[in-house]
Protein backbone atom coordinates (compact mmCIF):
# COMPACT_ATOMS: atom_id res chain seq x y z
CA MET A 1 5.18 -8.40 -7.00
CA LEU A 2 1.55 -8.66 -6.48
CA LYS A 3 -0.72 -10.29 -9.02
CA LYS A 4 -2.81 -8.01 -11.23
CA SER A 5 -5.91 -9.98 -9.97
CA ARG A 6 -5.24 -8.81 -6.54
CA ARG A 7 -4.66 -5.02 -7.49
CA ILE A 8 -7.48 -2.35 -7.29
CA HIS A 9 -8.08 -0.82 -10.67
CA SER A 10 -8.97 2.82 -11.22
CA LYS A 11 -12.66 2.03 -11.97
CA GLU A 12 -13.00 0.16 -8.56
CA PHE A 13 -11.90 3.24 -6.51
CA ALA A 14 -15.42 4.69 -6.85
CA ILE A 15 -17.14 1.52 -5.41
CA ILE A 16 -14.71 0.92 -2.57
CA PRO A 17 -16.13 2.04 0.89
CA LYS A 18 -14.20 4.76 2.57
CA GLY A 19 -12.75 2.63 5.52
CA VAL A 20 -10.25 3.61 8.21
CA LEU A 21 -7.14 5.66 7.65
CA LYS A 22 -4.10 4.51 9.59
CA THR A 23 -0.89 6.45 9.38
CA THR A 24 2.85 5.65 9.96
CA PRO A 25 5.98 7.82 9.39
CA TYR A 26 6.54 5.94 6.05
CA PHE A 27 3.10 5.52 4.60
CA ASP A 28 -0.60 6.05 5.07
CA VAL A 29 -3.07 3.06 4.48
CA ARG A 30 -6.79 3.23 3.98
CA ILE A 31 -8.21 -0.13 5.27
CA SER A 32 -11.77 -1.25 4.11
CA LYS A 33 -13.53 -4.50 4.80
CA GLY A 34 -14.00 -7.05 1.87
CA SER A 35 -14.06 -10.80 1.04
CA THR A 36 -10.91 -10.86 -1.03
CA LEU A 37 -7.57 -9.22 -0.86
CA LYS A 38 -7.29 -6.12 -3.17
CA VAL A 39 -4.41 -3.69 -2.88
CA ALA A 40 -3.38 -0.34 -4.56
CA CYS A 41 -0.74 2.07 -4.18
CA VAL A 42 -0.95 5.71 -4.99
CA VAL A 43 2.30 7.61 -5.39
CA LYS A 44 1.95 11.46 -6.13
CA THR A 45 4.18 13.02 -8.49
CA LYS A 46 4.95 15.84 -6.05
CA LEU A 47 6.65 13.37 -3.70
CA PHE A 48 9.08 11.75 -6.27
CA LYS A 49 9.87 13.78 -9.42
CA THR A 50 11.19 10.80 -11.36
CA ALA A 51 9.10 7.72 -12.60
CA VAL A 52 11.95 5.53 -11.34
CA ALA A 53 11.54 6.73 -7.81
CA ARG A 54 7.81 6.51 -7.99
CA ASN A 55 7.90 2.87 -9.29
CA LYS A 56 10.36 1.78 -6.76
CA ALA A 57 8.11 2.95 -3.83
CA ARG A 58 5.14 1.38 -5.61
CA ARG A 59 7.00 -2.06 -6.03
CA ARG A 60 8.18 -2.12 -2.30
CA MET A 61 4.64 -1.55 -1.04
CA TYR A 62 3.13 -4.15 -3.25
CA GLN A 63 5.86 -6.65 -2.14
CA ILE A 64 5.27 -5.85 1.40
CA ALA A 65 1.48 -6.25 0.92
CA GLU A 66 1.90 -9.49 -0.61
CA GLU A 67 3.89 -10.81 2.22
CA CYS A 68 1.93 -9.36 5.11
CA LEU A 69 -1.78 -9.29 4.01
CA GLU A 70 -2.10 -12.87 2.64
CA LYS A 71 -4.42 -13.79 5.47
CA ASN A 72 -6.26 -10.41 5.98
CA PRO A 73 -8.97 -10.07 3.17
CA GLY A 74 -10.17 -6.44 2.36
CA PHE A 75 -9.25 -3.45 0.34
CA TYR A 76 -5.93 -1.72 1.33
CA ILE A 77 -4.93 1.64 -0.45
CA PHE A 78 -1.28 2.61 0.41
CA TYR A 79 -0.07 6.34 0.14
CA PRO A 80 3.75 6.36 0.41
CA LYS A 81 5.38 9.46 2.00
CA GLN A 82 8.77 10.96 1.15
CA THR A 83 10.61 9.06 3.98
CA ILE A 84 9.90 5.58 2.33
CA GLY A 85 13.08 5.84 0.18
CA ASN A 86 15.36 6.06 3.31
CA VAL A 87 14.21 2.95 5.13
CA THR A 88 14.90 -0.72 4.76
CA PHE A 89 12.48 -3.26 3.51
CA LYS A 90 12.61 -4.94 6.78
CA VAL A 91 11.58 -1.76 8.67
CA LEU A 92 8.46 -1.21 6.28
CA LYS A 93 7.48 -4.79 6.90
CA GLN A 94 7.66 -4.45 10.63
CA THR A 95 5.76 -1.34 10.43
CA LEU A 96 2.86 -2.72 8.57
CA ASP A 97 2.81 -5.73 10.80
CA SER A 98 2.66 -3.56 13.92
CA LEU A 99 -0.06 -1.62 12.32
CA LEU A 100 -2.37 -4.68 11.55
CA TYR A 101 -1.86 -6.63 14.77
């Protein structure tokens, strides 16, 4: 799980620059430049009705971000899609790697 110091808090959303939106079949990610690594994951209630499913999607995205983004400082806001529940962790990690490099 990603440390709290590396997460974007709700108060910080207003001061983060818009950045670039990149899409994949499993999630969208908004990338902005910054000097430190900060990550957020926004999961809509419309996508996953139960809190268990929303938290699972959020935890998976935080874990992938922690492993893949260590050397890439900046602000990353992840927006998971409905299809994230049907894929393996390995596929999600490969998707994020291919998106960044």
